[in-house]
Every structure is written in C-alpha cells, then in structure tokens.
C-alpha cells in the first residue's frame, strides 16, 4: 500500500521525515501516512506507532510532541 500524504506536506517534509523516522524507530519502520495538523505540526503514522512532530530545533529539523503505539 502506498503511503498517504496530505497536499500541504512538501516533498522536503517527506524526505526529512523518512530520515527522522528511521533514526527514531529503526530501519524497518515505514511511513504509512503524513497528515497536516497545523503550519508547524504534522502527524506521522508509522507501521507500529505514530508521532506528532513539530518543526523545530530537534534532529533533522523535527521535534516529537507526542508518540503512541497502534498496537497498544
């Protein structure tokens, strides 16, 4: 299944979030969807969990605001 991206999500967002997710979740994690929350926040669904990230000073220009498990 192809990942789903909201139209507000840029190609640069996708590239940098792929790197960010790998560094946070491990190489086997795949992005399922990226949803626009606000101009500074995106919701990133990954194979087993999700992140709500904010543009900022964190790794790769992203900072985790919330993290949760789909399988919980």
Protein backbone atom coordinates (compact mmCIF):
# COMPACT_ATOMS: atom_id res chain seq x y z
CA UNK A 1 0.00 0.00 0.00
CA UNK A 2 1.31 3.44 -0.94
CA UNK A 3 1.84 5.98 1.86
CA UNK A 4 -0.79 8.73 2.06
CA UNK A 5 0.25 12.39 2.28
CA UNK A 6 -1.94 15.45 2.76
CA UNK A 7 -1.47 18.06 -0.02
CA UNK A 8 0.12 20.52 2.44
CA UNK A 9 3.02 18.11 3.07
CA UNK A 10 6.01 19.04 0.89
CA UNK A 11 8.47 16.67 -0.78
CA UNK A 12 11.18 18.06 1.50
CA UNK A 13 8.99 17.27 4.54
CA UNK A 14 8.64 13.69 3.30
CA UNK A 15 12.38 13.24 2.71
CA UNK A 16 13.39 14.68 6.08
CA UNK A 17 10.67 12.78 7.95
CA UNK A 18 11.78 9.47 6.40
CA UNK A 19 15.27 10.06 7.81
CA UNK A 20 13.84 11.20 11.15
CA UNK A 21 11.55 8.16 11.48
CA UNK A 22 14.42 5.76 10.73
CA UNK A 23 16.53 7.41 13.43
CA UNK A 24 13.67 7.22 15.97
CA UNK A 25 12.05 3.88 15.12
CA UNK A 26 14.62 1.76 13.37
CA UNK A 27 15.29 0.97 9.74
CA UNK A 28 12.33 -1.41 9.34
CA UNK A 29 9.72 1.25 10.17
CA UNK A 30 7.80 2.54 7.17
CA UNK A 31 5.73 5.70 6.97
CA UNK A 32 2.05 4.88 6.41
CA UNK A 33 0.75 8.45 6.25
CA UNK A 34 1.67 12.06 6.96
CA UNK A 35 -1.21 14.32 7.91
CA UNK A 36 -1.19 18.09 8.21
CA UNK A 37 -2.14 19.33 11.70
CA UNK A 38 -1.03 22.98 11.55
CA UNK A 39 1.65 25.05 9.79
CA UNK A 40 4.20 23.78 12.33
CA UNK A 41 2.84 20.30 13.13
CA UNK A 42 2.41 17.05 11.23
CA UNK A 43 1.04 13.67 12.33
CA UNK A 44 3.22 10.82 11.08
CA UNK A 45 1.78 7.30 11.13
CA UNK A 46 4.43 4.59 11.04
CA UNK A 47 4.00 0.81 10.80
CA UNK A 48 3.56 0.22 14.54
CA UNK A 49 3.14 3.66 16.06
CA UNK A 50 2.66 7.34 15.35
CA UNK A 51 4.39 10.63 16.06
CA UNK A 52 3.08 14.15 16.22
CA UNK A 53 6.07 16.25 15.25
CA UNK A 54 6.74 19.95 15.17
CA UNK A 55 9.22 21.84 13.05
CA UNK A 56 12.00 22.98 15.32
CA UNK A 57 15.47 22.50 16.66
CA UNK A 58 15.31 18.72 17.01
CA UNK A 59 17.01 16.08 14.91
CA UNK A 60 16.53 16.73 11.20
CA UNK A 61 14.54 19.86 11.97
CA UNK A 62 11.78 17.91 13.78
CA UNK A 63 10.84 17.54 17.43
CA UNK A 64 8.47 14.88 18.81
CA UNK A 65 5.50 16.34 20.67
CA UNK A 66 3.60 13.08 21.15
CA UNK A 67 4.29 9.42 20.43
CA UNK A 68 1.93 6.46 20.72
CA UNK A 69 1.52 2.83 19.72
CA UNK A 70 -1.09 1.50 17.30
CA UNK A 71 -0.78 -1.98 18.82
CA UNK A 72 -1.32 -0.91 22.46
